[in-house]
């Protein structure tokens, strides 16, 4: 399946024709009554900055939204990726589709995944202990290898099956032991303890050729998304990819404005004088204008891609990746609670520019702006960037301006073109 043409998307922000080692992005977006990113207490994430607490959206949450938008253009192609612990499960499903019995497929899949260095989780042997960020075609590739070496790995598969059965039996034993008993003390792993019992299931020894071919399924190849965001796969040889992107936590330029929304759900089948709610709860909502900063290292992106691509291919994919990255940063919104908050929003101001000196403009918002903040924040941001031109200049770029009440675009550095003037 061919890649979707992003140049047909009216949201496209294209900085690829401007020279510089980095692309920097500064974005201001206003949200009202949203729950974009929550902590473990179900409250919107916050940060104390300058003279006020602010609403915060973590870089990890923003990354996830950006990668999701990526996949609208790269899905079901060699550019597609997946981030999951369920690699053994997905590989086993591929093996079953090829006609292998379910139980044997499960063991063989675990064996081949583990042979690349990914330990299998003892608590659930359909998962790996660590999250794998891999090409989406990895299960298909691993299943093809597993089928090809099926007979050759019979002895190792038997040993892997024994290790899985042992882990399942031990887990079952733990679940039947009552709490605060001597038996539990003998079987329960103390928290924080390291050693063989805290590790996952490793693969029995296999020929080096199989190990290398299994590890190849994890290879980033020419996938722009993996080259941009990087990954940490210490278990797999050469599995670590250094990120070409720097994404900061977004924060509100105005003081945190949070409210609780107490809700009830009516039971549509209540009758005969029975009244009350079928369910009730509380959602916490926040409002504010968020400032988002990110940078893309063009050199690092091309260096990763060039390991598997020709210079021409690496250049094409790097330009595609940059277009996707910048556009997604501006328009991708974390999906938390969006079905009841309608959280998708277009940014008031987006500045995307090439430079050799990437830097955040967070400092200009240390003093919080009282709401309504969007236009005042845009003026403060552009003033800061103009004054920085002498020592950390932007080399050229694009501004997108969507003011809340039709205000004129604030004065920009002279090298920045406002598309909406």
Protein backbone atom coordinates (compact mmCIF):
# COMPACT_ATOMS: atom_id res chain seq x y z
CA UNK A 1 0.00 0.00 0.00
CA UNK A 2 1.41 3.41 -0.99
CA UNK A 3 1.97 6.21 1.46
CA UNK A 4 -0.81 8.79 1.67
CA UNK A 5 0.29 12.04 0.07
CA UNK A 6 0.64 14.57 2.90
CA UNK A 7 1.07 17.40 0.39
CA UNK A 8 -2.67 17.10 -0.29
CA UNK A 9 -3.44 17.90 3.37
CA UNK A 10 -4.35 21.60 3.81
CA UNK A 11 -2.79 21.48 7.29
CA UNK A 12 0.66 20.72 5.87
CA UNK A 13 3.46 22.88 7.27
CA UNK A 14 6.50 22.42 5.02
CA UNK A 15 9.86 23.71 6.23
CA UNK A 16 12.03 21.44 4.11
CA UNK A 17 13.19 24.15 1.68
CA UNK A 18 14.77 26.27 4.42
CA UNK A 19 18.43 25.65 5.29
CA UNK A 20 19.59 24.79 8.78
CA UNK A 21 20.69 21.84 10.88
CA UNK A 22 17.52 21.96 12.99
CA UNK A 23 13.85 22.74 12.63
CA UNK A 24 12.28 24.39 15.66
CA UNK A 25 8.55 24.67 16.32
CA UNK A 26 6.79 27.09 18.68
CA UNK A 27 3.02 26.62 19.08
CA UNK A 28 0.26 28.36 21.07
CA UNK A 29 -3.07 26.51 21.31
CA UNK A 30 -6.08 27.37 23.47
CA UNK A 31 -8.14 24.61 25.10
CA UNK A 32 -11.34 24.92 27.10
CA UNK A 33 -12.71 22.35 29.56
CA UNK A 34 -10.38 19.49 28.59
CA UNK A 35 -8.65 16.59 30.28
CA UNK A 36 -5.75 16.12 27.88
CA UNK A 37 -3.26 14.44 30.19
CA UNK A 38 -4.01 13.11 33.68
CA UNK A 39 -1.86 11.92 36.57
CA UNK A 40 -2.45 8.81 38.72
CA UNK A 41 -4.98 10.69 40.87
CA UNK A 42 -7.09 11.42 37.76
CA UNK A 43 -6.27 15.15 37.93
CA UNK A 44 -4.97 17.16 34.96
CA UNK A 45 -1.17 17.29 35.08
CA UNK A 46 0.26 20.57 36.33
CA UNK A 47 3.65 22.25 36.77
CA UNK A 48 4.71 25.17 38.93
CA UNK A 49 6.47 27.69 36.70
CA UNK A 50 7.32 31.28 37.49
CA UNK A 51 4.61 32.95 39.50
CA UNK A 52 1.76 30.44 39.04
CA UNK A 53 0.82 26.77 38.68
CA UNK A 54 0.17 25.85 35.05
CA UNK A 55 -1.69 23.18 33.12
CA UNK A 56 0.78 20.69 31.63
CA UNK A 57 0.73 18.11 28.84
CA UNK A 58 3.65 15.71 29.05
CA UNK A 59 6.05 15.22 26.18
CA UNK A 60 5.19 11.51 26.18
CA UNK A 61 1.50 12.26 25.70
CA UNK A 62 2.24 14.68 22.87
CA UNK A 63 4.61 12.16 21.24
CA UNK A 64 1.85 9.56 21.26
CA UNK A 65 -0.58 11.95 19.56
CA UNK A 66 2.03 12.89 16.96
CA UNK A 67 2.87 9.26 16.18
CA UNK A 68 -0.84 8.48 15.82
CA UNK A 69 -1.20 11.25 13.23
CA UNK A 70 1.91 9.89 11.46
CA UNK A 71 0.20 6.55 11.03
CA UNK A 72 -2.69 8.15 9.19
CA UNK A 73 -0.19 8.54 6.33
CA UNK A 74 2.11 5.55 6.85
CA UNK A 75 -0.26 2.80 8.05
CA UNK A 76 -0.13 -0.61 6.36
CA UNK A 77 3.14 0.22 4.59
CA UNK A 78 6.79 -0.50 5.32
CA UNK A 79 6.78 2.85 7.14
CA UNK A 80 4.23 1.62 9.71
CA UNK A 81 5.30 0.98 13.31
CA UNK A 82 3.92 -0.51 16.53
CA UNK A 83 4.72 0.03 20.20
CA UNK A 84 3.65 -2.90 22.36
CA UNK A 85 4.59 -5.72 24.75
CA UNK A 86 2.43 -8.18 22.82
CA UNK A 87 4.99 -9.17 20.19
CA UNK A 88 4.90 -12.90 21.18
CA UNK A 89 1.10 -12.90 20.97
CA UNK A 90 1.03 -11.22 17.56
CA UNK A 91 3.74 -13.53 16.23
CA UNK A 92 1.80 -16.57 17.50
CA UNK A 93 -1.31 -15.36 15.69
CA UNK A 94 0.68 -15.13 12.47
CA UNK A 95 1.90 -18.69 13.02
CA UNK A 96 -1.64 -19.95 13.62
CA UNK A 97 -2.71 -18.26 10.38
CA UNK A 98 0.00 -20.31 8.69
CA UNK A 99 -1.56 -23.52 10.05
CA UNK A 100 0.42 -24.21 13.23
CA UNK A 101 -1.48 -25.44 16.34
CA UNK A 102 -2.17 -22.70 18.91
CA UNK A 103 -0.11 -24.13 21.78
CA UNK A 104 2.94 -24.90 19.66
CA UNK A 105 2.62 -21.53 17.92
CA UNK A 106 2.67 -19.78 21.30
CA UNK A 107 5.86 -21.55 22.38
CA UNK A 108 7.62 -21.11 19.03
CA UNK A 109 6.71 -17.42 18.92
CA UNK A 110 8.09 -16.89 22.43
CA UNK A 111 11.26 -18.75 21.45
CA UNK A 112 11.92 -16.67 18.33
CA UNK A 113 11.12 -13.34 20.03
CA UNK A 114 13.35 -14.23 22.98
CA UNK A 115 16.15 -15.36 20.67
CA UNK A 116 16.55 -11.73 19.57
CA UNK A 117 17.17 -10.76 23.20
CA UNK A 118 13.66 -9.75 24.33
CA UNK A 119 12.84 -11.56 27.58
CA UNK A 120 9.38 -13.09 27.90
CA UNK A 121 7.26 -11.94 30.83
CA UNK A 122 6.79 -14.71 33.38
CA UNK A 123 3.48 -13.25 34.54
CA UNK A 124 2.04 -13.36 31.02
CA UNK A 125 4.01 -15.32 28.47
CA UNK A 126 2.21 -13.66 25.57
CA UNK A 127 4.11 -10.47 26.43
CA UNK A 128 7.70 -9.28 26.60
CA UNK A 129 9.05 -7.74 29.81
CA UNK A 130 9.92 -4.49 28.03
CA UNK A 131 7.93 -2.51 25.50
CA UNK A 132 9.10 -3.07 21.94
CA UNK A 133 8.91 -0.20 19.44
CA UNK A 134 9.31 -2.01 16.13
CA UNK A 135 8.27 -2.08 12.49
CA UNK A 136 4.61 -3.12 12.34
CA UNK A 137 5.64 -6.01 10.09
CA UNK A 138 7.88 -7.52 12.79
CA UNK A 139 5.38 -10.27 13.80
CA UNK A 140 5.02 -11.32 10.15
CA UNK A 141 8.79 -11.42 9.70
CA UNK A 142 9.33 -13.37 12.94
CA UNK A 143 6.58 -15.84 12.02
CA UNK A 144 8.17 -16.46 8.63
CA UNK A 145 11.50 -17.16 10.33
CA UNK A 146 9.84 -19.36 12.96
CA UNK A 147 8.20 -21.47 10.25
CA UNK A 148 11.39 -21.78 8.25
CA UNK A 149 13.40 -23.07 11.24
CA UNK A 150 10.55 -25.07 12.81
CA UNK A 151 12.24 -28.47 12.61
CA UNK A 152 15.68 -27.08 13.41
CA UNK A 153 14.41 -25.54 16.67
CA UNK A 154 12.43 -28.57 17.93
CA UNK A 155 14.76 -29.21 20.89
CA UNK A 156 14.94 -25.54 21.86
CA UNK A 157 11.15 -25.26 21.51
CA UNK A 158 10.71 -28.13 23.97
CA UNK A 159 12.98 -26.39 26.49
CA UNK A 160 11.12 -23.10 25.97
CA UNK A 161 7.82 -24.92 26.56
CA UNK A 162 9.15 -26.28 29.85
CA UNK A 163 10.24 -22.82 30.95
CA UNK A 164 6.82 -21.39 30.09
CA UNK A 165 5.01 -24.22 31.93
CA UNK A 166 7.21 -23.65 34.98
CA UNK A 167 6.46 -19.92 34.98
CA UNK A 168 2.71 -20.54 34.60
CA UNK A 169 2.72 -23.13 37.40
CA UNK A 170 4.64 -20.85 39.73
CA UNK A 171 2.28 -18.00 39.02
CA UNK A 172 -0.74 -20.24 39.71
CA UNK A 173 0.81 -21.37 42.98
CA UNK A 174 1.33 -17.79 44.10
CA UNK A 175 -2.27 -16.89 43.32
CA UNK A 176 -3.60 -19.71 45.53
CA UNK A 177 -1.47 -18.94 48.57
CA UNK A 178 -3.31 -16.85 51.15
CA UNK A 179 -1.93 -13.51 52.19
CA UNK A 180 0.33 -13.18 55.24
CA UNK A 181 1.19 -16.89 55.35
CA UNK A 182 4.56 -18.59 55.71
CA UNK A 183 4.03 -20.29 52.35
CA UNK A 184 3.64 -16.93 50.66
CA UNK A 185 6.85 -15.69 52.23
CA UNK A 186 8.64 -18.62 50.63
CA UNK A 187 7.29 -17.99 47.12
CA UNK A 188 6.71 -14.24 46.82
CA UNK A 189 9.56 -12.25 45.32
CA UNK A 190 10.56 -9.37 47.68
CA UNK A 191 10.11 -5.95 46.13
CA UNK A 192 13.27 -4.40 44.76
CA UNK A 193 15.17 -7.68 44.76
CA UNK A 194 17.28 -8.43 41.74
CA UNK A 195 18.46 -11.74 40.41
CA UNK A 196 17.24 -14.74 38.40
CA UNK A 197 13.75 -14.69 39.90
CA UNK A 198 13.10 -11.10 38.83
CA UNK A 199 14.18 -11.73 35.23
CA UNK A 200 12.00 -12.88 32.37
CA UNK A 201 12.23 -16.07 30.34
CA UNK A 202 15.25 -16.19 28.05
CA UNK A 203 15.64 -18.32 24.93
CA UNK A 204 17.65 -21.56 25.03
CA UNK A 205 20.84 -21.40 23.00
CA UNK A 206 20.17 -21.24 19.26
CA UNK A 207 22.45 -21.04 16.22
CA UNK A 208 23.86 -17.55 15.74
CA UNK A 209 22.31 -17.34 12.27
CA UNK A 210 18.81 -17.63 13.77
CA UNK A 211 19.59 -15.07 16.47
CA UNK A 212 20.80 -12.57 13.89
CA UNK A 213 17.80 -13.09 11.64
CA UNK A 214 15.40 -12.68 14.58
CA UNK A 215 17.12 -9.44 15.61
CA UNK A 216 16.80 -8.20 12.02
CA UNK A 217 13.02 -8.09 12.46
CA UNK A 218 13.56 -5.29 14.99
CA UNK A 219 15.81 -3.27 12.68
CA UNK A 220 14.50 0.27 12.04
CA UNK A 221 15.42 0.07 8.37
CA UNK A 222 14.17 3.14 6.57
CA UNK A 223 11.25 3.96 8.89
CA UNK A 224 11.19 7.72 9.40
CA UNK A 225 9.07 7.51 12.57
CA UNK A 226 11.61 5.32 14.37
CA UNK A 227 14.46 7.53 13.17
CA UNK A 228 12.71 10.65 14.50
CA UNK A 229 11.52 9.42 17.90
CA UNK A 230 14.25 6.89 18.66
CA UNK A 231 13.86 3.94 21.00
CA UNK A 232 15.61 2.14 23.85
CA UNK A 233 15.91 -1.61 23.21
CA UNK A 234 18.95 -2.56 25.26
CA UNK A 235 18.18 -6.28 24.96
CA UNK A 236 18.57 -6.33 21.18
CA UNK A 237 22.03 -5.78 19.62
CA UNK A 238 22.04 -2.38 17.90
CA UNK A 239 18.43 -1.97 19.04
CA UNK A 240 18.92 1.50 20.51
CA UNK A 241 18.18 4.44 18.19
CA UNK A 242 18.97 7.95 19.37
CA UNK A 243 16.04 10.30 18.94
CA UNK A 244 16.32 13.08 16.38
CA UNK A 245 13.47 14.94 18.08
CA UNK A 246 13.38 17.10 21.19
CA UNK A 247 9.83 17.55 22.51
CA UNK A 248 9.24 19.66 25.60
CA UNK A 249 6.37 19.36 28.05
CA UNK A 250 3.69 21.82 26.99
CA UNK A 251 2.47 24.24 29.66
CA UNK A 252 -0.16 26.96 29.87
CA UNK A 253 0.97 30.56 29.57
CA UNK A 254 -1.88 31.56 31.88
CA UNK A 255 -2.45 30.32 35.46
CA UNK A 256 -4.07 26.93 35.88
CA UNK A 257 -7.87 27.06 35.62
CA UNK A 258 -9.37 23.77 36.79
CA UNK A 259 -12.90 22.71 37.67
CA UNK A 260 -14.62 19.49 38.66
CA UNK A 261 -17.45 18.10 36.57
CA UNK A 262 -19.76 15.90 38.67
CA UNK A 263 -21.82 13.69 36.40
CA UNK A 264 -24.57 11.09 36.65
CA UNK A 265 -25.81 8.55 34.13
CA UNK A 266 -29.55 7.93 34.01
CA UNK A 267 -30.80 4.37 33.80
CA UNK A 268 -33.14 4.32 30.80
CA UNK A 269 -34.97 1.20 32.04
CA UNK A 270 -35.94 2.50 35.47
CA UNK A 271 -39.71 2.45 36.01
CA UNK A 272 -42.42 1.66 38.55
CA UNK A 273 -41.40 4.59 40.75
CA UNK A 274 -37.74 3.58 41.05
CA UNK A 275 -35.51 6.62 40.72
CA UNK A 276 -31.78 7.25 40.83
CA UNK A 277 -28.68 7.14 38.69
CA UNK A 278 -27.14 4.11 37.02
CA UNK A 279 -23.69 5.61 37.65
CA UNK A 280 -22.00 8.74 38.84
CA UNK A 281 -18.51 10.17 39.04
CA UNK A 282 -16.29 13.22 38.82
CA UNK A 283 -14.11 14.40 35.94
CA UNK A 284 -11.60 17.19 36.39
CA UNK A 285 -11.29 19.67 33.54
CA UNK A 286 -8.76 22.37 32.78
CA UNK A 287 -8.60 25.37 30.46
CA UNK A 288 -5.73 27.46 29.16
CA UNK A 289 -3.44 28.42 26.29
CA UNK A 290 -0.60 25.93 25.96
CA UNK A 291 2.89 26.75 24.72
CA UNK A 292 4.59 23.81 22.94
CA UNK A 293 8.22 23.70 21.87
CA UNK A 294 9.99 21.02 19.85
CA UNK A 295 13.05 20.67 17.64
CA UNK A 296 14.12 18.18 15.00
CA UNK A 297 17.81 17.43 14.39
CA UNK A 298 18.03 17.00 10.62
CA UNK A 299 21.57 15.59 10.76
CA UNK A 300 20.68 12.90 13.30
CA UNK A 301 17.58 11.96 11.28
CA UNK A 302 19.57 11.50 8.07
CA UNK A 303 22.38 9.66 9.86
CA UNK A 304 19.93 7.01 11.14
CA UNK A 305 18.13 6.63 7.81
CA UNK A 306 21.37 6.42 5.84
CA UNK A 307 22.32 3.22 7.66
CA UNK A 308 19.69 1.38 5.62
CA UNK A 309 18.93 3.64 2.67
CA UNK A 310 20.71 5.14 -0.30
CA UNK A 311 21.49 8.87 -0.01
CA UNK A 312 18.55 9.69 -2.29
CA UNK A 313 16.14 7.48 -0.31
CA UNK A 314 17.37 8.87 3.02
CA UNK A 315 16.85 12.44 1.79
CA UNK A 316 13.33 11.69 0.54
CA UNK A 317 12.32 9.98 3.79
CA UNK A 318 13.91 12.69 5.93
CA UNK A 319 11.88 15.37 4.13
CA UNK A 320 8.69 13.31 4.49
CA UNK A 321 9.42 12.74 8.18
CA UNK A 322 10.02 16.45 8.75
CA UNK A 323 6.73 17.39 7.09
CA UNK A 324 4.85 14.84 9.18
CA UNK A 325 6.60 15.82 12.41
CA UNK A 326 6.02 19.58 12.12
CA UNK A 327 2.42 19.24 10.91
CA UNK A 328 1.54 16.69 13.58
CA UNK A 329 3.03 18.82 16.35
CA UNK A 330 0.73 21.67 15.37
CA UNK A 331 -2.48 19.68 14.94
CA UNK A 332 -2.26 16.44 16.93
CA UNK A 333 -4.09 16.52 20.26
CA UNK A 334 -3.82 13.87 23.01
CA UNK A 335 -6.99 11.80 22.92
CA UNK A 336 -7.77 11.60 26.64
CA UNK A 337 -11.50 12.18 27.32
CA UNK A 338 -12.00 13.72 23.89
CA UNK A 339 -15.34 11.95 23.36
CA UNK A 340 -16.85 14.17 26.07
CA UNK A 341 -14.67 17.28 25.78
CA UNK A 342 -14.24 17.79 22.02
CA UNK A 343 -10.62 18.62 22.69
CA UNK A 344 -9.29 18.92 19.11
CA UNK A 345 -8.23 22.53 18.45
CA UNK A 346 -6.34 24.47 15.81
CA UNK A 347 -3.37 26.47 17.11
CA UNK A 348 -3.62 30.23 17.36
CA UNK A 349 0.03 30.61 16.40
CA UNK A 350 2.52 28.18 14.86
CA UNK A 351 6.07 29.20 14.02
CA UNK A 352 8.20 26.55 12.31
CA UNK A 353 11.66 27.57 11.25
CA UNK A 354 15.08 26.26 10.30
CA UNK A 355 18.06 27.22 12.44
CA UNK A 356 21.48 26.10 13.60
CA UNK A 357 20.67 27.21 17.16
CA UNK A 358 17.58 25.48 18.58
CA UNK A 359 16.15 26.93 21.79
CA UNK A 360 12.86 27.06 23.67
CA UNK A 361 11.05 30.33 24.30
CA UNK A 362 9.59 29.09 27.59
CA UNK A 363 11.42 31.83 29.50
CA UNK A 364 9.20 34.54 28.04
CA UNK A 365 6.19 33.01 29.84
CA UNK A 366 7.74 32.83 33.31
CA UNK A 367 5.40 35.65 34.23
CA UNK A 368 1.90 34.25 33.70
CA UNK A 369 -0.53 36.05 31.39
CA UNK A 370 -4.04 36.57 32.67
CA UNK A 371 -6.78 35.20 30.41
CA UNK A 372 -7.67 35.80 27.64
CA UNK A 373 -4.06 34.97 26.92
CA UNK A 374 -3.73 33.80 23.31
CA UNK A 375 -3.07 37.11 21.52
CA UNK A 376 -0.93 38.55 24.34
CA UNK A 377 1.10 35.32 24.41
CA UNK A 378 1.63 35.49 20.64
CA UNK A 379 2.92 39.06 20.89
CA UNK A 380 5.24 38.14 23.75
CA UNK A 381 6.56 35.08 21.88
CA UNK A 382 7.25 36.90 18.61
CA UNK A 383 8.94 39.78 20.48
CA UNK A 384 11.20 37.26 22.23
CA UNK A 385 12.12 35.56 18.96
CA UNK A 386 12.85 38.90 17.24
CA UNK A 387 15.18 39.94 20.02
CA UNK A 388 16.94 36.57 19.88
CA UNK A 389 17.76 36.95 16.18
CA UNK A 390 21.13 38.61 16.87
CA UNK A 391 22.67 35.66 18.72
CA UNK A 392 20.43 32.63 17.95
CA UNK A 393 18.95 33.49 14.55
CA UNK A 394 16.21 31.67 12.73
CA UNK A 395 17.24 31.10 9.10
CA UNK A 396 13.79 31.06 7.53
CA UNK A 397 10.42 29.52 8.12
CA UNK A 398 6.65 29.75 8.25
CA UNK A 399 4.09 31.30 10.58
CA UNK A 400 0.48 30.16 10.70
CA UNK A 401 -1.86 32.62 12.42
CA UNK A 402 -5.48 31.90 13.43
CA UNK A 403 -6.46 34.69 15.85
CA UNK A 404 -9.52 34.24 18.08
CA UNK A 405 -11.09 37.54 17.04
CA UNK A 406 -9.41 38.38 13.73
CA UNK A 407 -6.45 40.28 15.21
CA UNK A 408 -3.47 41.12 12.99
CA UNK A 409 -0.47 38.82 13.10
CA UNK A 410 2.14 40.13 15.57
CA UNK A 411 5.46 41.38 14.20
CA UNK A 412 7.66 38.41 13.27
CA UNK A 413 11.38 37.99 12.69
CA UNK A 414 11.96 39.22 9.13
CA UNK A 415 12.91 35.72 7.87
CA UNK A 416 9.53 34.25 8.88
CA UNK A 417 6.68 34.35 6.34
CA UNK A 418 3.15 34.58 7.72
CA UNK A 419 0.92 32.46 5.49
CA UNK A 420 -2.24 34.17 6.73
CA UNK A 421 -1.41 37.85 6.12
